[in-house]
Protein backbone atom coordinates (compact mmCIF):
# COMPACT_ATOMS: atom_id res chain seq x y z
CA MET A 1 125.51 208.38 202.73
CA ASN A 2 127.15 211.32 204.48
CA GLN A 3 130.57 212.64 203.56
CA PHE A 4 132.24 211.12 206.61
CA THR A 5 131.00 207.71 205.54
CA ILE A 6 132.21 208.14 201.96
CA SER A 7 135.68 209.08 203.15
CA THR A 8 135.75 206.31 205.75
CA VAL A 9 134.78 203.58 203.28
CA LYS A 10 137.45 204.62 200.79
CA TRP A 11 140.11 205.16 203.46
CA PHE A 12 139.48 201.74 204.98
CA ALA A 13 139.67 200.02 201.59
CA GLY A 14 142.96 201.77 200.91
CA PHE A 15 144.30 200.92 204.37
CA LEU A 16 143.61 197.22 203.87
CA LEU A 17 145.38 197.30 200.52
CA LEU A 18 148.43 199.08 201.93
CA VAL A 19 148.67 196.63 204.80
CA SER A 20 148.41 193.66 202.45
CA TYR A 21 151.09 195.06 200.15
CA SER A 22 153.44 195.78 203.04
CA PHE A 23 153.52 192.07 203.82
CA GLY A 24 153.54 190.93 200.20
CA CYS A 25 156.36 192.88 198.51
CA GLU A 26 158.68 195.81 198.82
CA GLY A 27 156.55 198.73 197.64
CA THR A 28 157.96 200.38 194.52
CA LEU A 29 159.98 197.36 193.44
CA CYS A 30 156.89 195.16 193.43
CA ALA A 31 154.77 197.82 191.73
CA ALA A 32 157.38 198.31 189.02
CA SER A 33 157.30 194.62 188.14
CA ARG A 34 153.61 194.72 187.29
CA PRO A 35 152.28 195.71 183.85
CA ASN A 36 151.17 199.16 182.84
CA VAL A 37 147.55 199.38 181.69
CA ILE A 38 145.99 201.42 178.90
CA VAL A 39 142.24 201.25 178.29
CA ILE A 40 141.04 202.91 175.07
CA LEU A 41 137.28 203.41 175.09
CA THR A 42 135.69 205.06 172.05
CA ASP A 43 132.26 206.67 171.87
CA ASP A 44 129.52 205.26 169.59
CA GLN A 45 131.95 203.05 167.63
CA GLY A 46 129.98 199.89 167.01
CA TYR A 47 130.93 196.32 166.18
CA GLY A 48 131.01 197.05 162.45
CA ASP A 49 133.04 200.26 162.66
CA VAL A 50 136.46 198.61 162.19
CA GLY A 51 138.10 196.89 159.28
CA PHE A 52 138.72 193.65 161.19
CA SER A 53 134.95 193.12 161.55
CA GLY A 54 134.61 192.81 157.77
CA ASN A 55 133.89 196.45 156.96
CA LEU A 56 135.46 196.97 153.52
CA LYS A 57 134.71 200.70 153.40
CA ILE A 58 136.44 201.95 156.54
CA ASN A 59 140.16 202.62 156.79
CA THR A 60 141.52 201.37 160.15
CA PRO A 61 144.94 199.85 159.34
CA HIS A 62 146.39 200.30 162.83
CA LEU A 63 143.43 198.69 164.58
CA ASP A 64 143.44 195.89 162.02
CA ARG A 65 147.14 195.31 162.74
CA MET A 66 146.44 195.46 166.46
CA ALA A 67 143.76 192.78 165.99
CA GLU A 68 146.36 190.52 164.36
CA LYS A 69 148.59 190.90 167.42
CA SER A 70 145.84 190.76 170.04
CA ILE A 71 143.13 188.56 171.40
CA GLU A 72 139.76 189.55 169.98
CA LEU A 73 136.77 189.02 172.25
CA THR A 74 134.19 188.50 169.53
CA ARG A 75 131.18 188.48 171.85
CA PHE A 76 131.97 191.40 174.10
CA TYR A 77 128.99 193.38 175.43
CA CYS A 78 128.47 196.87 176.80
CA SER A 79 125.39 198.83 177.78
CA PRO A 80 123.20 200.32 175.02
CA VAL A 81 124.32 203.89 175.93
CA CYS A 82 127.50 205.49 177.19
CA ALA A 83 127.39 206.54 180.87
CA PRO A 84 126.16 203.13 182.11
CA THR A 85 129.01 201.44 180.24
CA ARG A 86 131.54 203.75 181.88
CA ALA A 87 130.18 203.12 185.37
CA SER A 88 130.32 199.34 184.91
CA LEU A 89 133.76 199.39 183.29
CA LEU A 90 135.32 201.39 186.13
CA THR A 91 133.60 199.64 189.06
CA GLY A 92 133.09 196.05 187.91
CA ARG A 93 129.47 196.46 188.98
CA ASN A 94 126.21 196.76 187.16
CA TYR A 95 125.54 200.45 186.59
CA TYR A 96 122.15 200.30 188.31
CA ARG A 97 124.03 199.57 191.55
CA THR A 98 126.22 202.66 191.11
CA GLY A 99 123.49 205.28 190.75
CA VAL A 100 123.94 205.65 186.99
CA ILE A 101 120.55 205.21 185.29
CA HIS A 102 120.99 206.67 181.80
CA THR A 103 122.91 209.57 180.23
CA SER A 104 121.49 212.97 181.29
CA ARG A 105 118.81 214.80 183.30
CA GLY A 106 120.19 213.52 186.58
CA GLY A 107 120.72 209.96 185.39
CA ALA A 108 124.51 210.01 184.90
CA LYS A 109 125.80 210.70 188.42
CA MET A 110 127.79 207.87 189.98
CA GLN A 111 127.58 207.54 193.75
CA GLY A 112 130.63 209.03 195.43
CA GLU A 113 131.30 205.98 197.60
CA GLU A 114 131.73 203.70 194.58
CA VAL A 115 135.27 202.32 194.40
CA THR A 116 136.85 202.36 190.94
CA VAL A 117 139.66 200.37 189.41
CA ALA A 118 141.63 203.63 189.30
CA GLU A 119 141.36 204.00 193.07
CA LEU A 120 142.56 200.47 193.73
CA LEU A 121 145.43 200.73 191.26
CA GLN A 122 146.42 204.11 192.70
CA GLN A 123 146.48 202.66 196.21
CA ALA A 124 148.63 199.82 194.87
CA GLY A 125 151.30 202.19 193.56
CA TYR A 126 150.05 203.00 190.06
CA GLN A 127 150.12 206.48 188.54
CA THR A 128 146.62 207.10 187.17
CA GLY A 129 145.36 209.42 184.45
CA ILE A 130 142.17 209.97 182.46
CA PHE A 131 142.09 211.72 179.10
CA GLY A 132 138.79 212.41 177.34
CA LYS A 133 135.25 211.64 178.41
CA TRP A 134 134.25 211.02 182.03
CA HIS A 135 130.42 211.38 182.03
CA LEU A 136 129.81 210.12 185.56
CA GLY A 137 129.20 213.44 187.31
CA ASP A 138 130.82 216.87 187.10
CA ASN A 139 130.59 217.79 190.79
CA TYR A 140 132.22 216.62 194.00
CA PRO A 141 132.42 213.74 194.97
CA MET A 142 131.85 212.27 191.51
CA ARG A 143 134.69 213.86 189.50
CA PRO A 144 137.69 211.91 188.21
CA GLN A 145 139.94 213.44 190.87
CA ASP A 146 137.52 212.14 193.50
CA GLN A 147 137.51 208.66 191.98
CA GLY A 148 141.16 207.71 191.79
CA PHE A 149 142.63 209.71 188.93
CA ALA A 150 145.70 211.72 189.93
CA GLU A 151 145.73 213.48 186.57
CA SER A 152 142.77 214.37 184.39
CA LEU A 153 142.13 216.17 181.12
CA ILE A 154 138.44 215.92 180.32
CA HIS A 155 135.42 217.63 178.87
CA LYS A 156 132.32 217.94 180.99
CA SER A 157 128.95 216.25 180.58
CA GLY A 158 128.36 213.64 177.87
CA GLY A 159 130.19 215.38 175.05
CA ILE A 160 132.05 218.43 173.84
CA GLY A 161 129.44 221.07 173.03
CA GLN A 162 126.74 219.60 175.26
CA SER A 163 125.61 221.54 178.30
CA PRO A 164 127.34 222.74 180.45
CA ASP A 165 130.08 222.77 177.84
CA GLN A 166 128.52 225.28 175.45
CA PRO A 167 129.67 226.85 173.26
CA ASN A 168 132.52 224.50 172.37
CA SER A 169 134.06 222.71 169.42
CA TYR A 170 136.02 219.55 168.63
CA PHE A 171 138.69 221.93 167.32
CA HIS A 172 140.66 223.70 170.08
CA PRO A 173 138.13 222.61 172.72
CA LYS A 174 137.81 224.16 176.14
CA LEU A 175 138.62 221.38 178.58
CA TRP A 176 139.19 220.82 182.30
CA LYS A 177 142.70 219.91 183.45
CA ASN A 178 142.89 218.60 186.99
CA GLY A 179 139.67 220.45 187.78
CA VAL A 180 140.74 223.79 186.27
CA ALA A 181 139.46 225.26 182.99
CA PHE A 182 142.00 224.72 180.21
CA GLN A 183 142.12 225.99 176.63
CA SER A 184 143.56 223.29 174.38
CA THR A 185 145.01 223.58 170.89
CA GLY A 186 144.24 221.08 168.16
CA TYR A 187 141.59 218.48 167.34
CA CYS A 188 140.07 216.87 170.44
CA THR A 189 141.17 213.29 169.76
CA ASP A 190 144.71 214.43 168.97
CA VAL A 191 144.73 216.52 172.16
CA PHE A 192 143.68 213.60 174.36
CA PHE A 193 146.17 211.14 172.84
CA ASP A 194 149.03 213.65 173.00
CA ALA A 195 148.26 214.34 176.66
CA ALA A 196 148.20 210.60 177.38
CA LEU A 197 151.58 210.13 175.66
CA ASP A 198 153.06 212.97 177.69
CA PHE A 199 151.67 211.39 180.87
CA ILE A 200 153.19 208.02 179.93
CA ASP A 201 156.60 209.57 179.31
CA ARG A 202 156.55 211.37 182.65
CA GLN A 203 155.52 208.25 184.56
CA THR A 204 158.10 206.10 182.82
CA LYS A 205 160.84 208.30 184.29
CA THR A 206 159.53 207.55 187.79
CA GLU A 207 159.74 203.79 187.15
CA LYS A 208 156.24 203.43 188.56
CA PRO A 209 153.54 201.55 186.62
CA PHE A 210 150.76 203.62 185.10
CA PHE A 211 147.07 203.26 184.35
CA VAL A 212 145.82 205.34 181.43
CA TYR A 213 142.08 205.60 180.74
CA LEU A 214 141.84 207.09 177.25
CA ALA A 215 138.13 207.62 176.71
CA THR A 216 137.54 209.57 173.52
CA ASN A 217 134.38 211.49 172.71
CA ALA A 218 134.76 210.56 169.03
CA PRO A 219 132.99 209.43 166.93
CA HIS A 220 130.01 210.75 168.95
CA THR A 221 128.06 213.68 167.51
CA PRO A 222 128.52 216.46 166.56
CA LEU A 223 130.40 214.95 163.64
CA GLU A 224 133.18 217.52 163.49
CA ILE A 225 136.33 216.45 161.64
CA ALA A 226 138.65 218.01 159.07
CA GLU A 227 137.52 217.60 155.45
CA SER A 228 140.72 215.75 154.63
CA TYR A 229 139.42 212.84 156.71
CA TRP A 230 135.86 212.54 155.43
CA LYS A 231 135.81 213.78 151.84
CA SER A 232 137.60 210.67 150.58
CA TYR A 233 134.82 208.51 152.04
CA GLN A 234 132.17 210.67 150.40
CA ARG A 235 133.91 210.21 147.05
CA GLN A 236 133.42 206.46 147.53
CA GLY A 237 129.67 207.05 147.51
CA LEU A 238 129.00 207.13 151.25
CA ASP A 239 126.53 209.68 152.61
CA GLU A 240 128.05 212.64 154.44
CA THR A 241 127.02 211.43 157.90
CA THR A 242 128.69 208.04 157.48
CA ALA A 243 131.68 209.66 155.78
CA ARG A 244 132.19 211.97 158.74
CA VAL A 245 131.89 209.13 161.27
CA TYR A 246 134.39 207.04 159.32
CA GLY A 247 136.69 210.05 159.06
CA MET A 248 136.61 210.48 162.83
CA ILE A 249 137.38 206.78 163.27
CA THR A 250 140.29 206.99 160.82
CA ASN A 251 141.69 209.84 162.90
CA LEU A 252 141.24 207.68 165.99
CA ASP A 253 143.02 204.84 164.22
CA GLU A 254 145.99 207.09 163.42
CA ASN A 255 146.27 208.10 167.07
CA ILE A 256 146.08 204.48 168.22
CA GLY A 257 148.84 203.66 165.76
CA LYS A 258 150.93 206.51 167.15
CA LEU A 259 150.36 205.27 170.70
CA LEU A 260 151.31 201.66 169.90
CA SER A 261 154.42 202.78 168.01
CA HIS A 262 155.41 204.95 170.95
CA LEU A 263 155.15 201.94 173.28
CA GLU A 264 157.40 199.95 170.92
CA ARG A 265 160.02 202.68 170.65
CA SER A 266 160.01 203.22 174.40
CA ALA A 267 160.44 199.49 175.14
CA LEU A 268 157.08 199.53 176.92
CA ALA A 269 155.04 197.25 174.65
CA GLU A 270 155.83 194.02 176.51
CA LYS A 271 155.26 195.77 179.83
CA THR A 272 151.83 197.16 178.93
CA VAL A 273 148.35 195.68 178.71
CA VAL A 274 146.37 197.58 176.05
CA LEU A 275 142.61 197.18 175.80
CA PHE A 276 140.51 198.67 173.02
CA LEU A 277 136.71 198.68 172.97
CA GLY A 278 133.63 200.70 172.05
CA ASP A 279 131.05 201.82 174.59
CA ASN A 280 127.88 200.88 172.65
CA GLY A 281 126.56 200.49 169.14
CA PRO A 282 126.48 203.13 166.40
CA GLN A 283 124.11 206.06 166.72
CA GLN A 284 123.38 206.32 162.99
CA LYS A 285 122.39 203.69 160.43
CA ARG A 286 125.46 202.13 158.81
CA TYR A 287 127.34 198.85 158.50
CA THR A 288 126.99 196.69 161.63
CA GLY A 289 128.56 193.41 160.56
CA GLY A 290 125.14 191.85 160.16
CA LEU A 291 123.94 192.74 163.65
CA ARG A 292 120.46 194.14 164.24
CA GLY A 293 119.81 197.50 165.87
CA ARG A 294 122.07 200.30 167.03
CA LYS A 295 122.75 202.54 170.04
CA SER A 296 120.06 202.50 172.77
CA TRP A 297 118.67 199.15 171.56
CA THR A 298 119.29 195.87 173.36
CA TYR A 299 119.57 194.02 170.06
CA GLU A 300 123.12 192.88 169.26
CA GLY A 301 123.90 195.98 167.21
CA GLY A 302 123.31 198.16 170.26
CA ILE A 303 125.29 196.23 172.88
CA ARG A 304 127.91 194.10 171.12
CA VAL A 305 131.13 196.04 170.52
CA PRO A 306 134.64 195.50 169.17
CA CYS A 307 137.13 194.50 171.86
CA LEU A 308 140.85 193.76 171.63
CA ALA A 309 143.29 192.77 174.39
CA GLN A 310 147.03 193.03 173.73
CA TRP A 311 150.00 192.12 175.92
CA PRO A 312 152.97 190.83 173.90
CA GLY A 313 154.49 187.69 175.35
CA HIS A 314 151.47 187.03 177.56
CA PHE A 315 148.39 187.01 175.29
CA GLN A 316 148.25 184.79 172.20
CA GLU A 317 148.45 186.88 169.03
CA GLY A 318 145.53 186.59 166.61
CA GLU A 319 143.39 184.45 168.92
CA LYS A 320 139.61 184.86 169.02
CA ILE A 321 137.54 184.19 172.14
CA ASP A 322 133.86 183.66 171.45
CA GLN A 323 132.65 183.26 175.04
CA ILE A 324 130.40 186.07 176.24
CA ALA A 325 132.10 188.83 178.23
CA ALA A 326 131.16 192.35 179.24
CA HIS A 327 132.19 195.73 180.63
CA ILE A 328 131.70 194.52 184.21
CA ASP A 329 134.57 192.07 183.67
CA LEU A 330 137.29 194.64 183.00
CA MET A 331 137.88 195.71 186.61
CA PRO A 332 138.30 192.18 188.06
CA THR A 333 140.42 191.24 185.03
CA LEU A 334 142.74 194.23 185.38
CA LEU A 335 143.07 193.68 189.12
CA ALA A 336 144.14 190.09 188.45
CA LEU A 337 146.60 191.00 185.69
CA THR A 338 148.21 193.68 187.88
CA GLU A 339 148.14 191.49 191.00
CA THR A 340 146.10 194.13 192.78
CA ARG A 341 143.99 192.89 195.66
CA CYS A 342 140.30 193.72 195.77
CA PRO A 343 138.76 194.33 199.22
CA GLU A 344 136.37 191.55 200.13
CA SER A 345 133.79 194.16 201.06
CA LEU A 346 133.40 195.17 197.40
CA LYS A 347 130.60 193.30 195.64
CA LEU A 348 131.64 192.90 192.01
CA ASP A 349 129.30 191.61 189.32
CA GLY A 350 132.00 190.89 186.73
CA VAL A 351 134.34 187.92 186.46
CA ASP A 352 138.09 187.70 185.95
CA LEU A 353 138.83 187.02 182.27
CA SER A 354 142.59 186.63 182.78
CA PRO A 355 142.47 182.80 182.68
CA LEU A 356 141.07 183.06 179.14
CA LEU A 357 143.45 185.82 178.07
CA THR A 358 146.57 184.05 179.34
CA GLY A 359 145.49 180.62 178.09
CA ARG A 360 145.21 179.02 181.52
CA LYS A 361 141.61 178.08 180.74
CA GLU A 362 139.65 177.59 177.53
CA LYS A 363 136.24 178.30 179.07
CA LEU A 364 134.80 179.99 182.11
CA PRO A 365 131.60 178.82 183.85
CA ALA A 366 128.41 179.63 181.96
CA ARG A 367 126.50 182.69 183.10
CA SER A 368 123.93 185.27 181.99
CA LEU A 369 124.55 188.94 181.24
CA PHE A 370 121.88 191.57 181.94
CA PHE A 371 121.23 194.88 180.20
CA GLN A 372 118.54 197.50 180.61
CA VAL A 373 118.35 201.25 180.15
CA HIS A 374 115.73 203.87 179.34
CA ARG A 375 114.92 207.50 180.03
CA GLY A 376 113.57 208.54 183.40
CA LEU A 377 115.11 208.26 186.86
CA THR A 378 113.02 205.24 187.87
CA PRO A 379 113.80 202.08 185.89
CA GLN A 380 110.71 200.06 185.06
CA ARG A 381 110.70 196.30 185.23
CA TYR A 382 110.78 194.73 181.72
CA GLN A 383 111.40 197.97 179.76
CA ASN A 384 114.14 197.73 177.11
CA PHE A 385 115.96 194.85 178.81
CA ALA A 386 117.93 191.86 177.58
CA VAL A 387 119.35 188.70 179.10
CA VAL A 388 122.22 187.21 177.10
CA THR A 389 123.57 183.67 177.45
CA GLU A 390 126.01 181.69 175.31
CA ARG A 391 123.11 180.60 173.10
CA PHE A 392 119.99 182.69 173.73
CA LYS A 393 118.87 186.26 174.22
CA LEU A 394 115.59 187.22 175.88
CA ALA A 395 114.56 190.82 175.17
CA GLY A 396 111.71 192.86 176.63
CA TYR A 397 110.04 195.87 175.03
CA PRO A 398 113.01 196.41 172.69
CA GLY A 399 113.43 199.90 171.25
CA THR A 400 111.76 201.78 174.12
CA PHE A 401 114.85 203.58 175.46
CA GLY A 402 113.45 207.05 174.77
CA THR A 403 110.06 206.41 176.38
CA GLU A 404 109.63 207.64 179.94
CA ASN A 405 106.78 206.11 181.96
CA LEU A 406 106.10 203.42 179.36
CA LEU A 407 102.62 201.93 179.66
CA LEU A 408 103.40 198.27 180.32
CA GLN A 409 101.02 195.51 179.31
CA ALA A 410 99.66 192.88 181.67
CA GLU A 411 102.04 190.36 180.12
CA PRO A 412 105.45 191.78 179.15
CA VAL A 413 106.25 192.04 175.45
CA LEU A 414 109.08 189.55 174.95
CA GLU A 415 111.28 188.25 172.15
CA LEU A 416 113.68 185.29 172.18
CA TYR A 417 116.55 184.73 169.77
CA ASP A 418 118.86 181.76 169.29
CA LEU A 419 122.10 183.68 168.82
CA SER A 420 124.08 180.56 167.95
CA ALA A 421 121.96 180.04 164.83
CA ASP A 422 120.67 183.58 164.30
CA PRO A 423 123.20 186.24 165.40
CA GLY A 424 121.31 188.79 163.28
CA GLU A 425 118.17 188.24 165.40
CA GLN A 426 115.79 187.82 162.50
CA LYS A 427 113.66 184.97 163.85
CA ASN A 428 111.78 185.30 167.13
CA VAL A 429 111.65 181.78 168.62
CA LEU A 430 109.75 182.79 171.75
CA HIS A 431 107.04 180.15 171.34
CA SER A 432 109.46 177.36 170.46
CA HIS A 433 111.35 177.41 173.76
CA PRO A 434 108.85 178.05 176.59
CA GLU A 435 111.10 176.61 179.30
CA THR A 436 114.01 178.78 178.24
CA VAL A 437 111.78 181.85 178.27
CA LYS A 438 110.51 180.99 181.73
CA ALA A 439 114.01 180.44 183.11
CA LEU A 440 115.54 183.59 181.60
CA LEU A 441 112.58 185.74 182.63
CA LYS A 442 112.96 184.49 186.20
CA GLN A 443 116.67 185.33 186.08
CA TYR A 444 115.88 188.84 184.86
CA GLU A 445 113.20 189.42 187.51
CA ASP A 446 115.58 188.30 190.27
CA TRP A 447 118.33 190.52 188.84
CA PHE A 448 116.06 193.57 188.64
CA SER A 449 114.91 193.06 192.24
CA GLU A 450 118.52 192.81 193.38
CA MET A 451 119.49 195.98 191.51
CA LYS A 452 116.58 197.87 193.06
CA ALA A 453 117.45 196.61 196.53
CA THR A 454 121.02 197.94 196.29
CA ARG A 455 120.16 201.66 196.36
CA ASN A 456 116.65 201.87 194.95
CA PHE A 457 118.21 203.38 191.79
CA GLU A 458 119.26 206.53 193.66
CA PRO A 459 121.64 208.69 191.58
CA GLY A 460 124.79 210.18 193.04
CA LEU A 461 124.42 213.20 195.33
CA ILE A 462 126.11 216.54 194.63
CA VAL A 463 127.94 217.69 197.76
CA ILE A 464 128.38 221.44 198.24
CA ASP A 465 131.56 221.74 200.28
CA ARG A 466 133.87 224.75 200.04
CA GLU A 467 136.85 222.62 201.09
CA GLN A 468 136.37 220.36 198.07
CA GLU A 469 134.79 222.50 195.35
CA ASN A 470 134.07 226.21 195.37
CA PRO A 471 132.34 227.43 193.32
CA SER A 472 130.05 224.55 192.37
CA ILE A 473 128.71 224.72 188.82
CA LEU A 474 125.25 223.17 188.65
CA CYS A 475 124.16 222.12 185.16
CA ARG A 476 120.41 221.79 184.97
CA TYR A 477 120.07 219.56 181.90
CA GLN A 478 122.89 217.17 182.75
CA ASP A 479 122.74 216.90 186.53
CA GLY A 480 119.35 218.22 187.61
CA SER A 481 116.35 216.12 188.57
CA PHE A 482 113.55 215.87 186.02
CA GLN A 483 110.04 214.47 186.17
CA LYS A 484 108.16 214.07 182.88
CA GLY A 485 110.56 216.45 181.19
CA VAL A 486 110.20 219.22 183.80
CA SER A 487 113.21 220.35 185.83
CA GLU A 488 112.85 220.14 189.61
CA GLY A 489 116.30 221.41 190.57
CA TRP A 490 119.22 219.44 192.00
CA MET A 491 119.49 216.94 194.83
CA VAL A 492 122.39 218.30 196.88
CA LYS A 493 123.96 218.08 200.29
CA ILE A 494 125.17 221.40 201.72
CA VAL A 495 127.87 220.56 204.25
CA ARG A 496 127.99 223.90 206.06
CA SER A 497 125.45 226.67 206.58
CA GLY A 498 126.55 230.01 205.20
CA LEU A 499 126.13 232.88 202.79
CA TYR A 500 126.18 231.86 199.14
CA ARG A 501 126.39 233.93 195.98
CA ILE A 502 124.07 232.43 193.39
CA LYS A 503 124.57 233.32 189.74
CA ILE A 504 122.10 232.06 187.13
CA ASN A 505 122.32 231.92 183.37
CA ARG A 506 119.05 233.65 182.53
CA LYS A 507 119.76 234.68 178.91
CA THR A 508 117.67 237.84 179.18
CA ALA A 509 118.48 241.39 180.28
CA LYS A 510 114.98 242.03 181.60
CA PRO A 511 114.49 242.79 185.30
CA GLY A 512 112.89 240.10 187.40
CA ARG A 513 113.05 237.87 190.43
CA LEU A 514 115.66 235.27 191.35
CA SER A 515 114.08 232.57 193.51
CA VAL A 516 115.69 229.84 195.62
CA ASN A 517 113.72 226.96 197.10
CA TRP A 518 115.66 225.09 199.78
CA GLN A 519 114.39 222.82 202.53
CA GLY A 520 110.80 223.68 201.66
CA ARG A 521 111.28 227.45 201.95
CA THR A 522 111.41 229.86 199.01
CA SER A 523 113.47 233.07 199.12
CA HIS A 524 113.53 235.82 196.50
CA ASP A 525 115.74 238.69 195.41
CA PHE A 526 115.19 241.27 192.69
CA LEU A 527 117.62 241.44 189.78
CA SER A 528 117.95 244.68 187.86
CA PRO A 529 118.40 244.64 184.07
CA GLY A 530 121.64 242.82 183.26
CA GLU A 531 122.17 241.47 186.78
CA SER A 532 122.48 237.71 187.17
CA ALA A 533 123.49 237.08 190.79
CA ALA A 534 122.34 237.62 194.37
CA GLU A 535 123.30 236.40 197.85
CA PHE A 536 121.27 233.93 199.92
CA GLU A 537 121.67 232.25 203.29
CA LEU A 538 121.52 228.46 202.93
CA LYS A 539 121.40 226.05 205.86
CA ALA A 540 123.29 222.77 205.95
CA GLY A 541 121.28 219.73 204.92
CA THR A 542 120.28 217.38 202.13
CA TRP A 543 117.36 218.50 200.01
CA LEU A 544 116.15 219.35 196.53
CA LEU A 545 117.63 222.74 195.62
CA ASP A 546 115.67 224.62 192.97
CA ILE A 547 116.76 227.98 191.58
CA TRP A 548 115.02 229.96 188.84
CA PHE A 549 114.65 233.40 187.34
CA GLN A 550 111.29 234.87 186.37
CA ALA A 551 111.24 238.06 184.32
CA GLU A 552 108.70 240.74 185.27
CA GLY A 553 105.35 240.20 183.61
CA GLU A 554 106.27 236.73 182.34
CA ASP A 555 105.53 233.19 183.44
CA ARG A 556 108.26 231.02 184.88
CA VAL A 557 110.13 229.08 182.20
CA SER A 558 111.38 225.61 183.12
CA PRO A 559 114.35 224.76 180.88
CA GLY A 560 114.25 221.19 179.66
CA ASP A 561 116.44 221.10 176.60
CA ASN A 562 120.16 220.53 176.14
CA SER A 563 121.22 224.11 176.83
CA THR A 564 122.86 226.12 179.59
CA LEU A 565 119.69 228.11 180.32
CA GLY A 566 119.04 227.91 184.04
CA ASP A 567 122.54 226.69 184.93
CA VAL A 568 123.83 228.02 188.24
CA VAL A 569 127.18 228.93 189.78
CA LEU A 570 127.01 228.53 193.57
CA THR A 571 129.83 230.18 195.55
CA ARG A 572 130.11 230.10 199.33
CA ILE A 573 131.17 233.55 200.55
CA LYS A 574 131.24 232.95 204.29
């Protein structure tokens, strides 16, 4: 879709909302009467990584207290890995529709024309801010500021210290504040929560409602945390890896406690919906509350996560809801709770959970939830999928997330579990329920065909436009296109023809040749020892842009690992 179309779609959606609000209430007064919203999304914190799940080793007193005062959705599901969860949470749509396929190598770029809950809330009068992890594209038009967030403090890519964020640390991390490089002070989780609290205080003075998306990168690797947090766990006999994860979660818990206390002191608690959830299962082996599997698996341990919903005076304290729910439900639920209209043109996959949360209904209509993710930019039918219903789960080729171009058998490898009797998924009952298998497999096949028909799994497109982003930083590992582990460059749209300065991270002082392949034509320029940039004329168009450096007397090296080697800074000069 061209840039005009992206802008037109979003403008028209906003126009319809503004018109509807102008007839429904008096602007600021109406907006001020609606609740604030805070969504806390943690990274790799699984179902068993909280005290209220029965974990007797971990110290999470503030989350445990929050659980006592909240509704716990005990069967809440997310995707097996992080970027897909984030796309579904923010759009209310299955991530395969949005262009997000997996987590790196070109698979975590959300299409620019997707409409997020932040955009709709912003158009409805909310002040919007994101603090932490975005992971849906680092270039225009996929950045937070392009997707409805008026204020942003984030790290790039999938984590602090990943490319293009290297070198970096969880302590005093280099971040990006409203699109500009920013040197922070302190531990990353503390920094993000403190920034969110400052944002809340500033918005409270305006008497406008706010939406805070607090998406931490903890407890994702690298497991960096002060010794004071993890040594006490090690003294209890836990291995260092688990001790560090639990230490990071305890730090998270302290920050959540600080946030909730701040809402109480500021008389905001009863005016604020607070949601807490994890994005997928744990990466490492540890306590899972009896669930099988972990991150990247479609077993329960990989996709079932802790989830709390708190709104004093509106949600019943200490209630547990055991009906299945998922990340795709958060957008329609938040729109309902904030009385924000959703344009009819938006096709949402999630359902509104507010009738359950407010007690208006005890049950919602039965449905099936679908999950699938694996490496590679072309999803394969049946690979690492699951269909979840209130009773059963059908899984295909479980545990194959990391396999690209999996050799599928003539008949798909399937497993069926009766989750009502076997939540730990220990007994495969595939042959005992042939009709159930047939029905769920048909549902999955129809779902996969529908997902493919939406955009044919096409990732988001990087748009090179000086008016929106100049320079453009192109990260090869995170945002480039890969086939069988080999980098092919970046799919980009260059809006205007012109002269561009291209700087490459070549990590060698040797002389050699900088090459640019664009629109089927390859141009070269010689770089002297120590030089890293040259100027090239690039015509407007949409194509695969490949840029590489080849030292004299050496073969071309195609970077494929998680490093900044081969990353490019593209600056339009004229």
